Structure formats: structure tokens, C-alpha cells
């Protein structure tokens, strides 16, 4: 059974489990104290490349160093960005 780790740990059971898995005290505390509704959810709220303008796609391609981007149309840019 989980022991009481004081008021600084919100979910003692989860904290104990994480420590048993080998996590550091700090990391286990961060996870055990995080809100349940946000833990484990994937991030990323970026819109689809199809919603971007061609100029925005060109900027992104330039940022990641995509070669041969100047002669590409929007669909080709999207394909290259997704498969670089």
C-alpha cells in the first residue's frame, strides 16, 4: 500500500508505482502531481499542411533545409515535408 509522502505529493499510489519503475523522485513527483486530464495526452495543435499557404510551406521547407523546394507546387511541397 502507498505511504503518505506529505502534502507535496498529490497521488501517493502513482508516485510509489513510478518510483518502483525506477524513476527519480523529482520525475515521479512531477507526474504524480500533474492533472489527470492532461497526463499522457499527445501535444500538437498545429493545423494540417493543407491549411497552410504556399509561402508558409516554403518557409518551413527552408527552415528544415529541404533541397529542391523552389520549383515545387503546394501539393509537392506538402508531400516533401511529410516524407523528408
Protein backbone atom coordinates (compact mmCIF):
# COMPACT_ATOMS: atom_id res chain seq x y z
CA UNK A 1 0.00 0.00 0.00
CA UNK A 2 1.20 3.51 -0.76
CA UNK A 3 2.53 5.51 2.13
CA UNK A 4 1.77 9.16 2.74
CA UNK A 5 4.53 11.26 1.18
CA UNK A 6 3.18 14.50 2.59
CA UNK A 7 1.13 17.31 1.08
CA UNK A 8 3.63 17.89 -1.73
CA UNK A 9 2.64 14.60 -3.44
CA UNK A 10 -0.96 14.56 -4.67
CA UNK A 11 -1.18 10.89 -5.74
CA UNK A 12 0.86 8.71 -3.38
CA UNK A 13 -0.09 5.46 -5.12
CA UNK A 14 1.04 6.68 -8.53
CA UNK A 15 4.21 8.17 -7.02
CA UNK A 16 5.12 4.82 -5.40
CA UNK A 17 4.46 2.96 -8.65
CA UNK A 18 6.67 5.32 -10.64
CA UNK A 19 9.46 5.06 -8.07
CA UNK A 20 9.21 1.26 -8.25
CA UNK A 21 9.69 1.56 -12.01
CA UNK A 22 12.97 3.33 -11.36
CA UNK A 23 12.03 6.96 -11.91
CA UNK A 24 13.75 9.66 -9.92
CA UNK A 25 11.93 11.27 -7.00
CA UNK A 26 11.63 14.53 -8.95
CA UNK A 27 10.19 12.95 -12.10
CA UNK A 28 7.81 10.71 -10.16
CA UNK A 29 6.58 13.72 -8.17
CA UNK A 30 6.03 15.78 -11.34
CA UNK A 31 3.93 13.03 -12.90
CA UNK A 32 2.02 12.21 -9.72
CA UNK A 33 1.19 15.89 -9.23
CA UNK A 34 0.10 16.58 -12.81
CA UNK A 35 -3.62 16.97 -13.57
CA UNK A 36 -5.19 13.64 -14.59
CA UNK A 37 -6.93 15.10 -17.64
CA UNK A 38 -3.66 16.23 -19.24
CA UNK A 39 -1.31 13.39 -18.36
CA UNK A 40 -0.49 11.15 -21.29
CA UNK A 41 -2.22 13.22 -23.94
CA UNK A 42 -0.36 13.97 -27.11
CA UNK A 43 0.53 17.54 -27.77
CA UNK A 44 0.47 19.35 -31.03
CA UNK A 45 -2.25 21.67 -32.13
CA UNK A 46 -0.72 22.58 -35.48
CA UNK A 47 -3.05 22.80 -38.42
CA UNK A 48 -2.77 20.46 -41.39
CA UNK A 49 -0.29 21.41 -44.11
CA UNK A 50 -3.25 21.74 -46.49
CA UNK A 51 -4.40 24.75 -44.45
CA UNK A 52 -1.02 26.49 -44.83
CA UNK A 53 -0.23 28.94 -47.60
CA UNK A 54 2.47 28.09 -50.12
CA UNK A 55 4.68 30.81 -48.60
CA UNK A 56 4.32 29.22 -45.14
CA UNK A 57 5.19 25.82 -46.60
CA UNK A 58 8.25 27.32 -48.32
CA UNK A 59 9.36 28.88 -45.03
CA UNK A 60 9.03 25.54 -43.26
CA UNK A 61 10.91 23.74 -46.06
CA UNK A 62 13.68 26.36 -45.83
CA UNK A 63 13.77 26.02 -42.03
CA UNK A 64 14.38 22.26 -42.19
CA UNK A 65 16.81 22.54 -45.11
CA UNK A 66 14.69 20.80 -47.73
CA UNK A 67 16.58 20.83 -51.06
CA UNK A 68 14.92 21.49 -54.42
CA UNK A 69 11.94 23.34 -52.99
CA UNK A 70 11.87 26.32 -55.37
CA UNK A 71 10.21 24.54 -58.30
CA UNK A 72 7.61 22.64 -56.28
CA UNK A 73 3.90 23.40 -56.23
CA UNK A 74 1.92 23.33 -52.97
CA UNK A 75 0.97 19.62 -53.15
CA UNK A 76 4.56 18.61 -53.91
CA UNK A 77 5.82 20.74 -51.01
CA UNK A 78 3.37 19.04 -48.65
CA UNK A 79 4.48 15.60 -49.84
CA UNK A 80 8.18 16.51 -49.42
CA UNK A 81 7.62 17.97 -45.94
CA UNK A 82 5.80 14.86 -44.78
CA UNK A 83 8.40 12.45 -46.15
CA UNK A 84 11.72 14.24 -45.67
